[in-house]
Amino acid sequence: MPKEYVVIGLLALAGFLIGGVYSTWKTARGLAIVLAVLVVVAVGGAIAWLV
């Protein structure tokens, strides 16, 4: 599998998680913060995989 597919998948996952952060911010801030951390991990993993 080309590494670009993995990068695109991780960025898509990060986008999905950002939507979760946006939708849960007003009701469950703790969960939103956990999701935001996962967004950072997914984007960092995509960058690391590309390099």
Protein backbone atom coordinates (compact mmCIF):
# COMPACT_ATOMS: atom_id res chain seq x y z
CA MET A 1 0.00 0.00 0.00
CA PRO A 2 1.46 3.37 -0.95
CA LYS A 3 2.18 5.61 2.00
CA GLU A 4 -0.01 8.36 0.58
CA TYR A 5 -3.09 6.21 1.29
CA VAL A 6 -2.15 5.99 4.94
CA VAL A 7 -1.60 9.75 5.13
CA ILE A 8 -4.96 10.45 3.48
CA GLY A 9 -6.65 8.00 5.85
CA LEU A 10 -5.10 9.63 8.91
CA LEU A 11 -6.10 13.09 7.70
CA ALA A 12 -9.64 11.86 7.02
CA LEU A 13 -9.74 10.42 10.55
CA ALA A 14 -8.53 13.76 11.91
CA GLY A 15 -11.31 15.54 10.02
CA PHE A 16 -13.88 13.14 11.42
CA LEU A 17 -12.54 13.72 14.93
CA ILE A 18 -12.61 17.51 14.46
CA GLY A 19 -16.31 17.15 13.69
CA GLY A 20 -16.68 15.26 16.95
CA VAL A 21 -14.88 18.00 18.83
CA TYR A 22 -17.13 20.62 17.30
CA SER A 23 -20.33 18.75 18.09
CA THR A 24 -19.45 17.81 21.67
CA TRP A 25 -17.80 21.03 22.83
CA LYS A 26 -20.92 22.57 24.40
CA THR A 27 -22.22 19.41 26.08
CA ALA A 28 -19.18 17.34 27.06
CA ARG A 29 -16.00 19.39 27.25
CA GLY A 30 -13.93 16.53 28.66
CA LEU A 31 -14.76 14.27 25.73
CA ALA A 32 -14.11 17.13 23.32
CA ILE A 33 -10.64 17.64 24.79
CA VAL A 34 -9.88 13.92 24.45
CA LEU A 35 -11.02 14.04 20.83
CA ALA A 36 -8.86 17.13 20.22
CA VAL A 37 -5.83 15.26 21.55
CA LEU A 38 -6.64 12.41 19.18
CA VAL A 39 -6.82 14.92 16.31
CA VAL A 40 -3.32 16.12 17.15
CA VAL A 41 -2.06 12.52 17.30
CA ALA A 42 -3.66 11.67 13.94
CA VAL A 43 -2.22 14.74 12.21
CA GLY A 44 1.17 14.15 13.80
CA GLY A 45 1.09 10.55 12.66
CA ALA A 46 0.22 11.62 9.13
CA ILE A 47 3.10 14.06 9.05
CA ALA A 48 5.50 11.51 10.52
CA TRP A 49 4.37 8.84 8.06
CA LEU A 50 4.86 11.21 5.12
CA VAL A 51 8.38 12.17 6.22
